[in-house]
Amino acid sequence: MDAPRVGSRGVEMGQGKESGVKILVANLGSTSFKYRLLDMASEEQLARGGIERIGSAQSDCFVEMGDQRTETTGQVRDHADAVQICLDQLTDPQRGCLADAAEVAAIGFKAVHGGGVSGVQRVTDSVLEAMQEMSPVAPAHNPPYIDAMRRLSERFPSIPLVAAFETGFHQTIPDRLKYYAVAREWGDRWHIKRWGFHGASHRFIGFRCGQLLDDQTARVISCHLGGSSSLCAMRGGRSVATTMGMSPQTGIPHNNRVGDFDPFVLPLMMRATGKSLEDVLADLASRSGLLGLSGLSGDVRDLEEAAGQGHADARLALDVFVSEVRRYLGGLLVELGGADLIAFTGGIGENSAHVRAAVCADLGELGIDLDVDANAAVQSESCISTASSRTQVWVVPTNEELIVARQAQALLNEG
């Protein structure tokens, strides 16, 4: 697989590029490590790779550089070992793209939640403490990042670690859309607010859509639909409203996370099932969403196939998902006073013609008219609305890694 060039479709913060600066962008799961290496002079992807089943007796590793792909297996004890393997791959004398690991100027992380600590930060003890405080509301994300960052700072003290928090992009949302209707102290003292996530993806989509329209003041709604989903309304590339709240479990239903949910159900379910609060929260965070509704899978591809074969609960899960996307889309259209462009991105947004068609169905009165044939024929970035549609509808592949790399480079440039 050829490594894609991404420079011609860049986003803001492209100024101040330095020749030869190379940023490694890490995407972590509890037992996985994925990375991309970018040369910031050209914003070209030099390599990508990943390791699955970290901590197991046998871990699966791969690396792609240019048109070469190498796959290996072996024991990888932790994320620090994973980064060491990554650096060994990148500096391999025969196949590597780096002469020395010292060429890596920084490791950037798409960090999720630090509460009052947001934006782009060098990883320090205080940053890790802020992330630890928010771990209860980001249980699938914060713990593996905290553990990996600590191990990496010990193993590679000379490489700067940079956390680009997902919440940072949404700091421009006005207070009337940020505060919950609870005691003001909750928000100000304990950071109980609608923080929003998928910041890197929405940031990329906002600017890219401005390029497509040749208008960086445009009203854009980004529909990031995937294993985790959220919508974001932007004006001039700045976030003005989003669908996730205090935690990544909120908003639209996700593959295995609940989405919006009435908290007063919790004591009822605890009494009915005998489960602890922690057990019920675990159900909502890992056994709900599309998986919980369907009882089959959290993968939309599986659900579309099963629904086509008459599986009623798979159909219900898809219908609930689409209905929630449409409900939020309507609210964001009202907030913006209409949209110049709606973009679908993420694994579902880019690949499911069915979901795109269902979300946009019967919205002609709102100026949204999908081209059925164009929607069915999508292969890459494409306009899928009719020529008469007042709002353009596009499929736009996101590039979160490029955003994180640019943010890391900008922080390094600040000194």
Protein backbone atom coordinates (compact mmCIF):
# COMPACT_ATOMS: atom_id res chain seq x y z
CA MET A 1 0.00 0.00 0.00
CA ASP A 2 1.45 3.37 -1.00
CA ALA A 3 1.81 5.87 1.81
CA PRO A 4 -0.51 8.79 1.00
CA ARG A 5 0.78 12.33 0.59
CA VAL A 6 -1.30 14.71 2.63
CA GLY A 7 0.36 18.08 2.18
CA SER A 8 -1.85 19.41 -0.63
CA ARG A 9 -4.94 18.95 1.50
CA GLY A 10 -3.56 20.54 4.64
CA VAL A 11 -5.24 22.43 7.43
CA GLU A 12 -4.40 25.54 9.38
CA MET A 13 -1.19 25.81 11.32
CA GLY A 14 0.71 24.90 8.16
CA GLN A 15 2.93 27.94 8.49
CA GLY A 16 6.38 27.66 9.99
CA LYS A 17 7.27 24.22 8.65
CA GLU A 18 10.83 23.14 9.31
CA SER A 19 12.75 20.97 6.92
CA GLY A 20 13.61 17.60 8.35
CA VAL A 21 11.36 17.75 11.44
CA LYS A 22 9.81 14.34 11.91
CA ILE A 23 6.91 13.70 14.29
CA LEU A 24 5.74 10.28 15.43
CA VAL A 25 1.99 10.26 16.17
CA ALA A 26 0.81 7.52 18.52
CA ASN A 27 -2.70 6.12 18.85
CA LEU A 28 -3.03 3.89 21.89
CA GLY A 29 -5.49 1.29 23.10
CA SER A 30 -5.26 -0.77 26.25
CA THR A 31 -3.47 -3.56 24.32
CA SER A 32 -2.63 -1.84 21.04
CA PHE A 33 -0.23 0.74 19.61
CA LYS A 34 -0.62 2.35 16.19
CA TYR A 35 1.59 5.03 14.77
CA ARG A 36 2.37 7.22 11.81
CA LEU A 37 5.63 9.02 11.11
CA LEU A 38 5.31 12.33 9.29
CA ASP A 39 7.99 14.50 7.71
CA MET A 40 6.76 17.99 8.47
CA ALA A 41 8.77 19.60 5.67
CA SER A 42 6.48 17.99 3.09
CA GLU A 43 3.77 16.69 5.45
CA GLU A 44 4.38 13.34 3.83
CA GLN A 45 3.66 10.11 5.66
CA LEU A 46 6.95 8.23 5.83
CA ALA A 47 5.65 5.16 7.63
CA ARG A 48 2.74 3.67 9.49
CA GLY A 49 2.57 0.63 11.70
CA GLY A 50 0.92 -1.04 14.62
CA ILE A 51 1.08 -3.70 17.28
CA GLU A 52 -1.90 -5.64 18.59
CA ARG A 53 -2.27 -7.79 21.72
CA ILE A 54 0.41 -6.04 23.74
CA GLY A 55 1.10 -7.98 26.93
CA SER A 56 0.17 -11.33 25.39
CA ALA A 57 2.53 -14.20 24.68
CA GLN A 58 2.38 -13.37 20.97
CA SER A 59 1.78 -9.87 19.62
CA ASP A 60 1.11 -9.06 15.97
CA CYS A 61 3.27 -6.28 14.49
CA PHE A 62 3.26 -4.59 11.09
CA VAL A 63 4.97 -1.65 9.44
CA GLU A 64 4.39 -0.03 6.04
CA MET A 65 6.98 2.21 4.37
CA GLY A 66 6.30 3.19 0.79
CA ASP A 67 4.97 0.11 -0.99
CA GLN A 68 6.58 -2.35 1.43
CA ARG A 69 4.71 -4.02 4.26
CA THR A 70 6.40 -6.21 6.87
CA GLU A 71 4.54 -8.37 9.39
CA THR A 72 6.07 -10.11 12.42
CA THR A 73 4.98 -11.75 15.67
CA GLY A 74 6.65 -11.81 19.06
CA GLN A 75 6.18 -10.89 22.68
CA VAL A 76 5.66 -7.18 23.41
CA ARG A 77 5.44 -6.59 27.14
CA ASP A 78 4.16 -3.02 27.26
CA HIS A 79 3.75 0.19 25.28
CA ALA A 80 7.36 1.23 25.93
CA ASP A 81 8.48 -2.00 24.26
CA ALA A 82 6.07 -1.21 21.42
CA VAL A 83 7.67 2.19 20.82
CA GLN A 84 11.12 0.61 20.92
CA ILE A 85 10.03 -1.90 18.26
CA CYS A 86 8.59 0.99 16.23
CA LEU A 87 11.90 2.88 16.39
CA ASP A 88 13.80 -0.29 15.48
CA GLN A 89 11.54 -0.72 12.44
CA LEU A 90 12.01 2.89 11.36
CA THR A 91 15.81 2.71 11.67
CA ASP A 92 16.28 -0.74 10.12
CA PRO A 93 19.45 -0.50 7.96
CA GLN A 94 17.82 -2.24 4.98
CA ARG A 95 14.20 -1.06 5.07
CA GLY A 96 14.02 1.85 7.49
CA CYS A 97 13.29 5.48 6.66
CA LEU A 98 15.38 7.02 9.47
CA ALA A 99 19.13 6.95 9.92
CA ASP A 100 18.79 7.32 13.69
CA ALA A 101 15.96 7.39 16.24
CA ALA A 102 17.20 10.84 17.29
CA GLU A 103 15.57 12.16 14.10
CA VAL A 104 12.19 11.83 15.84
CA ALA A 105 11.61 15.34 17.17
CA ALA A 106 8.59 14.42 19.30
CA ILE A 107 5.93 11.82 19.93
CA GLY A 108 2.44 13.28 19.65
CA PHE A 109 -0.62 11.77 21.31
CA LYS A 110 -4.29 12.31 20.50
CA ALA A 111 -5.05 12.59 24.21
CA VAL A 112 -8.68 12.50 25.26
CA HIS A 113 -9.52 14.19 28.56
CA GLY A 114 -7.59 16.30 31.05
CA GLY A 115 -10.50 18.27 32.48
CA GLY A 116 -9.21 21.78 33.12
CA VAL A 117 -5.98 20.87 31.32
CA SER A 118 -6.68 21.09 27.61
CA GLY A 119 -5.17 22.32 24.37
CA VAL A 120 -1.65 21.14 23.45
CA GLN A 121 0.67 20.30 26.35
CA ARG A 122 4.07 18.80 26.97
CA VAL A 123 3.51 15.65 29.00
CA THR A 124 4.48 16.38 32.60
CA ASP A 125 3.52 14.94 35.98
CA SER A 126 0.83 17.62 36.38
CA VAL A 127 -0.66 16.79 32.97
CA LEU A 128 -0.74 13.09 33.86
CA GLU A 129 -2.39 13.90 37.20
CA ALA A 130 -5.11 15.87 35.39
CA MET A 131 -5.69 12.95 33.04
CA GLN A 132 -5.84 10.57 36.01
CA GLU A 133 -8.52 12.73 37.60
CA MET A 134 -10.63 12.38 34.45
CA SER A 135 -10.11 8.61 34.07
CA PRO A 136 -13.54 7.77 35.57
CA VAL A 137 -15.24 9.56 32.65
CA ALA A 138 -12.80 8.27 30.00
CA PRO A 139 -12.16 4.71 31.22
CA ALA A 140 -11.35 3.26 27.80
CA HIS A 141 -8.97 6.05 26.83
CA ASN A 142 -7.14 7.77 29.68
CA PRO A 143 -5.66 4.77 31.57
CA PRO A 144 -3.70 3.29 28.64
CA TYR A 145 -2.44 6.73 27.63
CA ILE A 146 -1.33 7.58 31.16
CA ASP A 147 0.48 4.26 31.55
CA ALA A 148 2.16 4.52 28.16
CA MET A 149 3.21 8.14 28.63
CA ARG A 150 4.81 7.34 31.98
CA ARG A 151 6.71 4.38 30.58
CA LEU A 152 7.83 6.30 27.50
CA SER A 153 9.06 9.28 29.50
CA GLU A 154 11.20 6.87 31.54
CA ARG A 155 12.47 4.87 28.56
CA PHE A 156 13.01 7.80 26.15
CA PRO A 157 13.67 10.90 28.29
CA SER A 158 15.28 12.77 25.37
CA ILE A 159 12.18 12.60 23.13
CA PRO A 160 9.53 15.24 23.98
CA LEU A 161 6.05 13.81 24.52
CA VAL A 162 3.18 16.06 23.44
CA ALA A 163 -0.48 15.60 24.39
CA ALA A 164 -2.94 17.19 21.95
CA PHE A 165 -6.19 17.02 23.88
CA GLU A 166 -9.38 16.26 21.97
CA THR A 167 -11.22 18.81 24.11
CA GLY A 168 -9.00 21.68 23.00
CA PHE A 169 -10.78 22.31 19.71
CA HIS A 170 -14.09 22.86 21.48
CA GLN A 171 -12.91 25.65 23.79
CA THR A 172 -14.58 28.14 21.44
CA ILE A 173 -18.06 26.75 22.21
CA PRO A 174 -20.09 29.45 24.05
CA ASP A 175 -20.97 28.94 27.72
CA ARG A 176 -24.68 28.59 26.93
CA LEU A 177 -23.85 25.37 25.07
CA LYS A 178 -21.07 24.26 27.41
CA TYR A 179 -22.67 24.32 30.85
CA TYR A 180 -25.08 21.70 32.15
CA ALA A 181 -28.14 22.92 34.07
CA VAL A 182 -26.66 21.95 37.44
CA ALA A 183 -25.15 24.02 40.25
CA ARG A 184 -22.63 26.39 38.69
CA GLU A 185 -20.01 25.13 41.15
CA TRP A 186 -20.07 21.72 39.46
CA GLY A 187 -18.79 23.23 36.25
CA ASP A 188 -16.37 25.76 37.70
CA ARG A 189 -14.87 23.64 40.49
CA TRP A 190 -15.11 20.09 39.18
CA HIS A 191 -15.09 20.71 35.41
CA ILE A 192 -18.53 19.15 34.84
CA LYS A 193 -19.17 20.60 31.39
CA ARG A 194 -19.83 19.57 27.82
CA TRP A 195 -16.21 19.23 26.76
CA GLY A 196 -16.63 17.55 23.36
CA PHE A 197 -14.20 15.15 21.69
CA HIS A 198 -12.92 14.09 18.23
CA GLY A 199 -11.28 17.50 18.18
CA ALA A 200 -8.48 16.58 15.76
CA SER A 201 -10.92 15.08 13.27
CA HIS A 202 -13.38 17.97 13.41
CA ARG A 203 -10.54 20.51 13.12
CA PHE A 204 -9.28 18.81 9.97
CA ILE A 205 -12.75 18.53 8.45
CA GLY A 206 -13.59 22.16 9.19
CA PHE A 207 -10.58 23.55 7.38
CA ARG A 208 -10.68 21.04 4.54
CA CYS A 209 -14.31 21.92 3.86
CA GLY A 210 -13.36 25.59 3.84
CA GLN A 211 -10.87 24.70 1.11
CA LEU A 212 -13.50 22.79 -0.85
CA LEU A 213 -15.84 25.79 -0.70
CA ASP A 214 -13.02 28.33 -1.10
CA ASP A 215 -14.50 30.00 1.96
CA GLN A 216 -12.83 29.78 5.36
CA THR A 217 -15.84 31.51 6.97
CA ALA A 218 -18.22 28.71 5.93
CA ARG A 219 -20.80 27.01 8.13
CA VAL A 220 -19.81 23.35 8.27
CA ILE A 221 -21.25 20.34 10.10
CA SER A 222 -18.78 17.50 10.53
CA CYS A 223 -20.34 14.06 11.02
CA HIS A 224 -17.58 11.86 12.47
CA LEU A 225 -19.29 8.47 12.49
CA GLY A 226 -17.33 5.38 13.48
CA GLY A 227 -16.73 3.14 16.47
CA SER A 228 -17.09 6.40 18.37
CA SER A 229 -19.30 9.09 16.85
CA SER A 230 -19.97 12.80 17.21
CA LEU A 231 -21.18 15.76 15.19
CA CYS A 232 -19.70 19.25 15.35
CA ALA A 233 -21.03 22.55 14.05
CA MET A 234 -18.34 24.98 12.93
CA ARG A 235 -18.34 28.54 11.72
CA GLY A 236 -15.12 29.70 10.11
CA GLY A 237 -13.35 26.52 11.21
CA ARG A 238 -14.16 27.11 14.90
CA SER A 239 -16.30 24.78 16.96
CA VAL A 240 -19.60 26.35 18.09
CA ALA A 241 -21.48 23.20 19.18
CA THR A 242 -20.89 19.46 19.42
CA THR A 243 -22.80 16.37 20.45
CA MET A 244 -20.52 14.77 23.05
CA GLY A 245 -20.61 16.07 26.58
CA MET A 246 -18.58 15.46 29.72
CA SER A 247 -17.45 12.02 28.60
CA PRO A 248 -16.88 10.07 25.37
CA GLN A 249 -19.82 7.86 26.36
CA THR A 250 -22.34 10.62 25.55
CA GLY A 251 -24.16 11.95 22.49
CA ILE A 252 -24.90 9.62 19.59
CA PRO A 253 -24.87 5.87 20.41
CA HIS A 254 -21.44 4.36 19.74
CA ASN A 255 -20.38 0.85 18.83
CA ASN A 256 -20.47 -0.35 22.45
CA ARG A 257 -21.05 2.87 24.45
CA VAL A 258 -24.47 4.13 25.37
CA GLY A 259 -24.65 7.70 24.12
CA ASP A 260 -27.12 10.05 25.85
CA PHE A 261 -28.81 8.39 28.81
CA ASP A 262 -30.96 9.38 31.80
CA PRO A 263 -28.77 9.08 34.94
CA PHE A 264 -31.79 8.35 37.15
CA VAL A 265 -31.95 4.90 35.59
CA LEU A 266 -28.76 3.94 37.46
CA PRO A 267 -30.19 3.32 40.95
CA LEU A 268 -33.14 1.50 39.38
CA MET A 269 -30.86 -0.91 37.54
CA MET A 270 -28.63 -1.37 40.58
CA ARG A 271 -31.62 -2.47 42.65
CA ALA A 272 -33.06 -4.62 39.85
CA THR A 273 -29.84 -6.46 39.04
CA GLY A 274 -27.88 -6.32 42.28
CA LYS A 275 -24.95 -4.82 40.39
CA SER A 276 -22.66 -2.17 41.82
CA LEU A 277 -22.46 1.32 40.36
CA GLU A 278 -19.12 0.39 38.78
CA ASP A 279 -20.66 -2.68 37.12
CA VAL A 280 -23.60 -0.72 35.70
CA LEU A 281 -21.27 1.98 34.40
CA ALA A 282 -19.13 -0.72 32.79
CA ASP A 283 -22.26 -2.02 31.04
CA LEU A 284 -22.97 1.47 29.70
CA ALA A 285 -19.35 2.01 28.61
CA SER A 286 -18.63 -1.34 26.94
CA ARG A 287 -21.79 -3.42 26.48
CA SER A 288 -24.29 -0.88 25.20
CA GLY A 289 -24.65 1.20 22.03
CA LEU A 290 -25.09 -0.73 18.78
CA LEU A 291 -23.79 -3.89 20.43
CA GLY A 292 -26.24 -3.69 23.29
CA LEU A 293 -29.26 -2.88 21.14
CA SER A 294 -28.57 -5.53 18.52
CA GLY A 295 -27.24 -8.23 20.82
CA LEU A 296 -25.10 -9.12 17.82
CA SER A 297 -22.30 -6.68 17.02
CA GLY A 298 -21.17 -3.09 17.37
CA ASP A 299 -19.93 -3.06 13.77
CA VAL A 300 -22.28 -1.34 11.33
CA ARG A 301 -21.12 -3.63 8.52
CA ASP A 302 -22.29 -6.67 10.47
CA LEU A 303 -25.56 -4.97 11.37
CA GLU A 304 -26.32 -3.93 7.79
CA GLU A 305 -25.75 -7.48 6.61
CA ALA A 306 -27.87 -8.96 9.40
CA ALA A 307 -30.65 -6.41 8.92
CA GLY A 308 -30.75 -7.32 5.24
CA GLN A 309 -31.36 -10.91 6.30
CA GLY A 310 -34.26 -9.96 8.56
CA HIS A 311 -32.52 -9.57 11.93
CA ALA A 312 -34.98 -7.26 13.75
CA ASP A 313 -32.65 -6.09 16.51
CA ALA A 314 -29.90 -5.28 14.02
CA ARG A 315 -32.43 -3.15 12.15
CA LEU A 316 -33.47 -1.47 15.41
CA ALA A 317 -29.87 -0.64 16.29
CA LEU A 318 -29.29 0.97 12.89
CA ASP A 319 -32.57 2.88 13.08
CA VAL A 320 -31.77 4.24 16.55
CA PHE A 321 -28.29 5.27 15.41
CA VAL A 322 -29.55 7.09 12.30
CA SER A 323 -32.40 8.73 14.22
CA GLU A 324 -30.00 10.12 16.81
CA VAL A 325 -27.67 11.46 14.12
CA ARG A 326 -30.64 13.17 12.44
CA ARG A 327 -31.90 14.61 15.75
CA TYR A 328 -28.54 16.20 16.49
CA LEU A 329 -28.06 17.29 12.89
CA GLY A 330 -31.32 19.23 13.11
CA GLY A 331 -30.20 21.02 16.26
CA LEU A 332 -26.85 21.97 14.74
CA LEU A 333 -28.55 23.29 11.60
CA VAL A 334 -30.67 25.54 13.80
CA GLU A 335 -27.61 26.69 15.78
CA LEU A 336 -25.79 27.68 12.58
CA GLY A 337 -28.86 29.03 10.79
CA GLY A 338 -28.26 26.48 8.03
CA ALA A 339 -25.10 24.89 6.69
CA ASP A 340 -22.98 25.47 3.63
CA LEU A 341 -21.54 21.95 3.76
CA ILE A 342 -22.18 18.72 5.66
CA ALA A 343 -19.25 16.30 5.71
CA PHE A 344 -19.33 12.59 6.53
CA THR A 345 -16.11 11.11 7.89
CA GLY A 346 -14.90 8.24 10.08
CA GLY A 347 -15.25 4.52 9.41
CA ILE A 348 -19.05 4.63 9.09
CA GLY A 349 -19.31 8.08 7.58
CA GLU A 350 -16.82 7.29 4.83
CA ASN A 351 -17.93 3.73 4.06
CA SER A 352 -21.64 3.30 4.70
CA ALA A 353 -23.76 4.58 1.81
CA HIS A 354 -26.81 3.27 3.66
CA VAL A 355 -26.19 5.40 6.75
CA ARG A 356 -25.44 8.52 4.70
CA ALA A 357 -28.61 8.07 2.66
CA ALA A 358 -30.73 7.44 5.75
CA VAL A 359 -29.35 10.49 7.57
CA CYS A 360 -30.06 12.77 4.60
CA ALA A 361 -33.43 11.27 3.61
CA ASP A 362 -36.35 13.68 3.05
CA LEU A 363 -34.40 16.83 3.97
CA GLY A 364 -35.09 18.66 0.72
CA GLU A 365 -37.09 21.34 2.52
CA LEU A 366 -33.93 22.08 4.53
CA GLY A 367 -31.88 22.44 1.36
CA ILE A 368 -30.21 19.02 1.61
CA ASP A 369 -30.61 16.86 -1.49
CA LEU A 370 -28.47 13.72 -1.84
CA ASP A 371 -27.41 12.38 -5.23
CA VAL A 372 -28.28 8.69 -4.94
CA ASP A 373 -25.83 7.53 -7.60
CA ALA A 374 -22.94 9.64 -6.33
CA ASN A 375 -23.55 8.42 -2.79
CA ALA A 376 -23.44 4.79 -3.89
CA ALA A 377 -20.25 5.27 -5.92
CA VAL A 378 -18.03 6.89 -3.26
CA GLN A 379 -14.42 5.71 -3.33
CA SER A 380 -12.62 8.65 -1.73
CA GLU A 381 -13.25 12.34 -1.13
CA SER A 382 -16.45 13.07 -3.09
CA CYS A 383 -19.39 15.44 -3.34
CA ILE A 384 -22.58 13.39 -2.95
CA SER A 385 -25.23 16.11 -3.18
CA THR A 386 -27.12 17.17 -6.27
CA ALA A 387 -26.21 20.32 -8.18
CA SER A 388 -29.44 21.94 -6.93
CA SER A 389 -28.82 21.18 -3.24
CA ARG A 390 -28.39 24.45 -1.28
CA THR A 391 -26.17 22.61 1.20
CA GLN A 392 -23.32 20.63 -0.28
CA VAL A 393 -22.84 17.13 1.14
CA TRP A 394 -19.40 15.53 0.96
CA VAL A 395 -17.52 12.46 2.07
CA VAL A 396 -14.17 13.68 3.39
CA PRO A 397 -11.59 11.24 4.82
CA THR A 398 -10.21 12.68 8.03
CA ASN A 399 -6.55 13.04 8.97
CA GLU A 400 -6.25 13.27 12.75
CA GLU A 401 -2.58 12.32 12.72
CA LEU A 402 -1.64 15.30 10.59
CA ILE A 403 -3.42 17.64 12.99
CA VAL A 404 -1.65 16.14 16.02
CA ALA A 405 1.71 16.31 14.23
CA ARG A 406 1.18 19.98 13.39
CA GLN A 407 0.13 20.78 16.92
CA ALA A 408 3.19 18.99 18.30
CA GLN A 409 5.47 20.85 15.91
CA ALA A 410 3.89 24.19 16.83
CA LEU A 411 4.52 23.50 20.52
CA LEU A 412 8.15 22.60 19.80
CA ASN A 413 8.55 25.83 17.85
CA GLU A 414 7.39 27.78 20.90
CA GLY A 415 10.43 26.42 22.75
